[in-house]
Amino acid sequence: MRDRLYDEKINGTFHLAVGAGFPFIGGENESRVHSDMVKNLRDGGKIFLDGNLSGKMEGG
């Protein structure tokens, strides 16, 4: 995983972006930054939001 624009589209990964939205796709919030985070969950993993299970990937 080396190129975020490519990696965020790989099946089994979780992509989270914070900061400024892109106007050309409907983003309206304003911020001086935009940061992308990509986590590889292809070997299994869970995503919790506010303590609640939001997503789960099975290993393999």
PDB file of N, CA and C in Angstrom:
ATOM      1  N   MET A   1       0.845  -1.166   0.000  1.00  0.00           N
ATOM      2  CA  MET A   1       0.000   0.000   0.000  1.00  0.00           C
ATOM      3  C   MET A   1       0.893   1.232   0.000  1.00  0.00           C
ATOM      4  N   ARG A   2       0.959   1.867  -1.149  1.00  0.00           N
ATOM      5  CA  ARG A   2       1.868   3.012  -1.285  1.00  0.00           C
ATOM      6  C   ARG A   2       1.221   4.241  -1.890  1.00  0.00           C
ATOM      7  N   ASP A   3       0.169   4.067  -2.653  1.00  0.00           N
ATOM      8  CA  ASP A   3      -0.472   5.190  -3.336  1.00  0.00           C
ATOM      9  C   ASP A   3      -1.906   5.313  -2.827  1.00  0.00           C
ATOM     10  N   ARG A   4      -2.176   6.311  -1.964  1.00  0.00           N
ATOM     11  CA  ARG A   4      -3.493   6.432  -1.332  1.00  0.00           C
ATOM     12  C   ARG A   4      -4.635   6.491  -2.337  1.00  0.00           C
ATOM     13  N   LEU A   5      -4.464   7.176  -3.451  1.00  0.00           N
ATOM     14  CA  LEU A   5      -5.550   7.278  -4.425  1.00  0.00           C
ATOM     15  C   LEU A   5      -5.907   5.923  -5.013  1.00  0.00           C
ATOM     16  N   TYR A   6      -4.944   5.048  -5.126  1.00  0.00           N
ATOM     17  CA  TYR A   6      -5.186   3.692  -5.603  1.00  0.00           C
ATOM     18  C   TYR A   6      -5.623   2.790  -4.447  1.00  0.00           C
ATOM     19  N   ASP A   7      -4.920   2.882  -3.316  1.00  0.00           N
ATOM     20  CA  ASP A   7      -5.158   1.985  -2.188  1.00  0.00           C
ATOM     21  C   ASP A   7      -6.555   2.115  -1.602  1.00  0.00           C
ATOM     22  N   GLU A   8      -7.117   3.324  -1.600  1.00  0.00           N
ATOM     23  CA  GLU A   8      -8.426   3.516  -0.979  1.00  0.00           C
ATOM     24  C   GLU A   8      -9.537   2.813  -1.741  1.00  0.00           C
ATOM     25  N   LYS A   9      -9.246   2.325  -2.920  1.00  0.00           N
ATOM     26  CA  LYS A   9     -10.251   1.642  -3.729  1.00  0.00           C
ATOM     27  C   LYS A   9     -10.095   0.118  -3.711  1.00  0.00           C
ATOM     28  N   ILE A  10      -9.107  -0.386  -2.996  1.00  0.00           N
ATOM     29  CA  ILE A  10      -8.874  -1.828  -2.935  1.00  0.00           C
ATOM     30  C   ILE A  10      -9.912  -2.476  -2.022  1.00  0.00           C
ATOM     31  N   ASN A  11     -10.556  -3.534  -2.492  1.00  0.00           N
ATOM     32  CA  ASN A  11     -11.503  -4.279  -1.680  1.00  0.00           C
ATOM     33  C   ASN A  11     -10.809  -4.777  -0.415  1.00  0.00           C
ATOM     34  N   GLY A  12     -11.454  -4.590   0.732  1.00  0.00           N
ATOM     35  CA  GLY A  12     -10.877  -5.036   1.993  1.00  0.00           C
ATOM     36  C   GLY A  12     -10.101  -3.952   2.723  1.00  0.00           C
ATOM     37  N   THR A  13     -10.165  -2.715   2.228  1.00  0.00           N
ATOM     38  CA  THR A  13      -9.532  -1.603   2.924  1.00  0.00           C
ATOM     39  C   THR A  13     -10.599  -0.646   3.420  1.00  0.00           C
ATOM     40  N   PHE A  14     -10.252   0.132   4.437  1.00  0.00           N
ATOM     41  CA  PHE A  14     -11.143   1.132   5.013  1.00  0.00           C
ATOM     42  C   PHE A  14     -10.533   2.496   4.735  1.00  0.00           C
ATOM     43  N   HIS A  15     -11.327   3.397   4.181  1.00  0.00           N
ATOM     44  CA  HIS A  15     -10.841   4.731   3.823  1.00  0.00           C
ATOM     45  C   HIS A  15     -11.601   5.769   4.630  1.00  0.00           C
ATOM     46  N   LEU A  16     -10.876   6.656   5.317  1.00  0.00           N
ATOM     47  CA  LEU A  16     -11.472   7.743   6.081  1.00  0.00           C
ATOM     48  C   LEU A  16     -10.781   9.034   5.680  1.00  0.00           C
ATOM     49  N   ALA A  17     -11.571  10.026   5.314  1.00  0.00           N
ATOM     50  CA  ALA A  17     -11.019  11.332   4.944  1.00  0.00           C
ATOM     51  C   ALA A  17     -11.579  12.380   5.906  1.00  0.00           C
ATOM     52  N   VAL A  18     -10.718  13.253   6.406  1.00  0.00           N
ATOM     53  CA  VAL A  18     -11.146  14.347   7.278  1.00  0.00           C
ATOM     54  C   VAL A  18     -10.636  15.653   6.696  1.00  0.00           C
ATOM     55  N   GLY A  19     -11.380  16.714   6.945  1.00  0.00           N
ATOM     56  CA  GLY A  19     -10.974  18.023   6.450  1.00  0.00           C
ATOM     57  C   GLY A  19     -11.858  18.476   5.317  1.00  0.00           C
ATOM     58  N   ALA A  20     -11.297  19.303   4.459  1.00  0.00           N
ATOM     59  CA  ALA A  20     -12.060  19.925   3.371  1.00  0.00           C
ATOM     60  C   ALA A  20     -12.599  18.890   2.402  1.00  0.00           C
ATOM     61  N   GLY A  21     -13.876  19.049   2.055  1.00  0.00           N
ATOM     62  CA  GLY A  21     -14.476  18.207   1.035  1.00  0.00           C
ATOM     63  C   GLY A  21     -14.172  18.776  -0.344  1.00  0.00           C
ATOM     64  N   PHE A  22     -14.233  17.949  -1.350  1.00  0.00           N
ATOM     65  CA  PHE A  22     -13.984  18.405  -2.712  1.00  0.00           C
ATOM     66  C   PHE A  22     -15.284  18.914  -3.324  1.00  0.00           C
ATOM     67  N   PRO A  23     -15.357  20.199  -3.708  1.00  0.00           N
ATOM     68  CA  PRO A  23     -16.595  20.768  -4.252  1.00  0.00           C
ATOM     69  C   PRO A  23     -17.132  20.025  -5.474  1.00  0.00           C
ATOM     70  N   PHE A  24     -16.249  19.492  -6.310  1.00  0.00           N
ATOM     71  CA  PHE A  24     -16.705  18.839  -7.541  1.00  0.00           C
ATOM     72  C   PHE A  24     -17.442  17.527  -7.289  1.00  0.00           C
ATOM     73  N   ILE A  25     -17.420  17.020  -6.042  1.00  0.00           N
ATOM     74  CA  ILE A  25     -18.201  15.822  -5.706  1.00  0.00           C
ATOM     75  C   ILE A  25     -19.225  16.123  -4.609  1.00  0.00           C
ATOM     76  N   GLY A  26     -19.498  17.409  -4.398  1.00  0.00           N
ATOM     77  CA  GLY A  26     -20.550  17.785  -3.463  1.00  0.00           C
ATOM     78  C   GLY A  26     -20.079  18.217  -2.084  1.00  0.00           C
ATOM     79  N   GLY A  27     -18.777  18.229  -1.821  1.00  0.00           N
ATOM     80  CA  GLY A  27     -18.269  18.655  -0.514  1.00  0.00           C
ATOM     81  C   GLY A  27     -18.513  20.134  -0.273  1.00  0.00           C
ATOM     82  N   GLU A  28     -19.045  20.464   0.906  1.00  0.00           N
ATOM     83  CA  GLU A  28     -19.357  21.850   1.220  1.00  0.00           C
ATOM     84  C   GLU A  28     -18.612  22.387   2.433  1.00  0.00           C
ATOM     85  N   ASN A  29     -17.999  21.510   3.238  1.00  0.00           N
ATOM     86  CA  ASN A  29     -17.310  21.988   4.432  1.00  0.00           C
ATOM     87  C   ASN A  29     -15.997  22.680   4.069  1.00  0.00           C
ATOM     88  N   GLU A  30     -15.611  23.649   4.904  1.00  0.00           N
ATOM     89  CA  GLU A  30     -14.375  24.393   4.664  1.00  0.00           C
ATOM     90  C   GLU A  30     -13.332  24.026   5.713  1.00  0.00           C
ATOM     91  N   SER A  31     -12.123  23.827   5.274  1.00  0.00           N
ATOM     92  CA  SER A  31     -11.012  23.492   6.156  1.00  0.00           C
ATOM     93  C   SER A  31      -9.721  23.802   5.415  1.00  0.00           C
ATOM     94  N   ARG A  32      -8.665  24.070   6.165  1.00  0.00           N
ATOM     95  CA  ARG A  32      -7.365  24.326   5.534  1.00  0.00           C
ATOM     96  C   ARG A  32      -6.666  23.027   5.135  1.00  0.00           C
ATOM     97  N   VAL A  33      -7.150  21.905   5.637  1.00  0.00           N
ATOM     98  CA  VAL A  33      -6.484  20.627   5.368  1.00  0.00           C
ATOM     99  C   VAL A  33      -7.471  19.602   4.814  1.00  0.00           C
ATOM    100  N   HIS A  34      -6.928  18.593   4.212  1.00  0.00           N
ATOM    101  CA  HIS A  34      -7.661  17.382   3.817  1.00  0.00           C
ATOM    102  C   HIS A  34      -6.676  16.237   3.993  1.00  0.00           C
ATOM    103  N   SER A  35      -7.059  15.268   4.797  1.00  0.00           N
ATOM    104  CA  SER A  35      -6.161  14.146   5.054  1.00  0.00           C
ATOM    105  C   SER A  35      -6.909  12.834   4.845  1.00  0.00           C
ATOM    106  N   ASP A  36      -6.276  11.919   4.145  1.00  0.00           N
ATOM    107  CA  ASP A  36      -6.835  10.594   3.901  1.00  0.00           C
ATOM    108  C   ASP A  36      -6.098   9.566   4.736  1.00  0.00           C
ATOM    109  N   MET A  37      -6.861   8.620   5.268  1.00  0.00           N
ATOM    110  CA  MET A  37      -6.271   7.494   5.998  1.00  0.00           C
ATOM    111  C   MET A  37      -6.818   6.215   5.388  1.00  0.00           C
ATOM    112  N   VAL A  38      -5.955   5.259   5.131  1.00  0.00           N
ATOM    113  CA  VAL A  38      -6.360   3.975   4.573  1.00  0.00           C
ATOM    114  C   VAL A  38      -5.807   2.884   5.471  1.00  0.00           C
ATOM    115  N   LYS A  39      -6.674   1.960   5.876  1.00  0.00           N
ATOM    116  CA  LYS A  39      -6.261   0.836   6.721  1.00  0.00           C
ATOM    117  C   LYS A  39      -6.561  -0.463   5.994  1.00  0.00           C
ATOM    118  N   ASN A  40      -5.565  -1.317   5.902  1.00  0.00           N
ATOM    119  CA  ASN A  40      -5.706  -2.621   5.275  1.00  0.00           C
ATOM    120  C   ASN A  40      -6.389  -3.574   6.251  1.00  0.00           C
ATOM    121  N   LEU A  41      -7.571  -4.048   5.900  1.00  0.00           N
ATOM    122  CA  LEU A  41      -8.306  -4.998   6.738  1.00  0.00           C
ATOM    123  C   LEU A  41      -8.485  -6.340   6.046  1.00  0.00           C
ATOM    124  N   ARG A  42      -7.696  -6.606   5.024  1.00  0.00           N
ATOM    125  CA  ARG A  42      -7.889  -7.834   4.248  1.00  0.00           C
ATOM    126  C   ARG A  42      -7.600  -9.092   5.040  1.00  0.00           C
ATOM    127  N   ASP A  43      -6.803  -8.997   6.102  1.00  0.00           N
ATOM    128  CA  ASP A  43      -6.534 -10.169   6.942  1.00  0.00           C
ATOM    129  C   ASP A  43      -7.482 -10.231   8.131  1.00  0.00           C
ATOM    130  N   GLY A  44      -8.539  -9.428   8.107  1.00  0.00           N
ATOM    131  CA  GLY A  44      -9.517  -9.391   9.187  1.00  0.00           C
ATOM    132  C   GLY A  44      -9.362  -8.107   9.989  1.00  0.00           C
ATOM    133  N   GLY A  45     -10.428  -7.639  10.546  1.00  0.00           N
ATOM    134  CA  GLY A  45     -10.397  -6.438  11.365  1.00  0.00           C
ATOM    135  C   GLY A  45     -11.789  -5.894  11.571  1.00  0.00           C
ATOM    136  N   LYS A  46     -11.914  -4.947  12.506  1.00  0.00           N
ATOM    137  CA  LYS A  46     -13.197  -4.344  12.828  1.00  0.00           C
ATOM    138  C   LYS A  46     -13.026  -2.837  12.921  1.00  0.00           C
ATOM    139  N   ILE A  47     -14.049  -2.109  12.532  1.00  0.00           N
ATOM    140  CA  ILE A  47     -14.081  -0.661  12.643  1.00  0.00           C
ATOM    141  C   ILE A  47     -15.187  -0.296  13.628  1.00  0.00           C
ATOM    142  N   PHE A  48     -14.818   0.452  14.673  1.00  0.00           N
ATOM    143  CA  PHE A  48     -15.785   0.919  15.660  1.00  0.00           C
ATOM    144  C   PHE A  48     -15.908   2.430  15.560  1.00  0.00           C
ATOM    145  N   LEU A  49     -17.134   2.945  15.556  1.00  0.00           N
ATOM    146  CA  LEU A  49     -17.408   4.373  15.581  1.00  0.00           C
ATOM    147  C   LEU A  49     -18.231   4.664  16.823  1.00  0.00           C
ATOM    148  N   ASP A  50     -17.704   5.497  17.706  1.00  0.00           N
ATOM    149  CA  ASP A  50     -18.357   5.820  18.976  1.00  0.00           C
ATOM    150  C   ASP A  50     -18.712   4.558  19.749  1.00  0.00           C
ATOM    151  N   GLY A  51     -17.821   3.578  19.723  1.00  0.00           N
ATOM    152  CA  GLY A  51     -18.025   2.340  20.479  1.00  0.00           C
ATOM    153  C   GLY A  51     -18.931   1.315  19.828  1.00  0.00           C
ATOM    154  N   ASN A  52     -19.479   1.630  18.664  1.00  0.00           N
ATOM    155  CA  ASN A  52     -20.372   0.711  17.961  1.00  0.00           C
ATOM    156  C   ASN A  52     -19.676   0.116  16.749  1.00  0.00           C
ATOM    157  N   LEU A  53     -19.841  -1.201  16.584  1.00  0.00           N
ATOM    158  CA  LEU A  53     -19.251  -1.871  15.430  1.00  0.00           C
ATOM    159  C   LEU A  53     -19.885  -1.342  14.152  1.00  0.00           C
ATOM    160  N   SER A  54     -19.051  -0.794  13.280  1.00  0.00           N
ATOM    161  CA  SER A  54     -19.535  -0.201  12.043  1.00  0.00           C
ATOM    162  C   SER A  54     -19.219  -1.068  10.823  1.00  0.00           C
ATOM    163  N   GLY A  55     -18.122  -1.776  10.857  1.00  0.00           N
ATOM    164  CA  GLY A  55     -17.732  -2.606   9.738  1.00  0.00           C
ATOM    165  C   GLY A  55     -16.823  -3.731  10.191  1.00  0.00           C
ATOM    166  N   LYS A  56     -16.858  -4.840   9.496  1.00  0.00           N
ATOM    167  CA  LYS A  56     -16.060  -6.003   9.877  1.00  0.00           C
ATOM    168  C   LYS A  56     -15.616  -6.715   8.610  1.00  0.00           C
ATOM    169  N   MET A  57     -14.343  -7.077   8.555  1.00  0.00           N
ATOM    170  CA  MET A  57     -13.817  -7.845   7.423  1.00  0.00           C
ATOM    171  C   MET A  57     -13.381  -9.203   7.936  1.00  0.00           C
ATOM    172  N   GLU A  58     -13.733 -10.212   7.199  1.00  0.00           N
ATOM    173  CA  GLU A  58     -13.295 -11.575   7.534  1.00  0.00           C
ATOM    174  C   GLU A  58     -11.928 -11.822   6.936  1.00  0.00           C
ATOM    175  N   GLY A  59     -11.082 -12.527   7.629  1.00  0.00           N
ATOM    176  CA  GLY A  59      -9.742 -12.837   7.145  1.00  0.00           C
ATOM    177  C   GLY A  59      -9.756 -13.734   5.928  1.00  0.00           C
ATOM    178  N   GLY A  60      -8.628 -13.693   5.181  1.00  0.00           N
ATOM    179  CA  GLY A  60      -8.495 -14.587   4.054  1.00  0.00           C
ATOM    180  C   GLY A  60      -8.868 -13.962   2.790  1.00  0.00           C
TER     181      GLY A  60
END
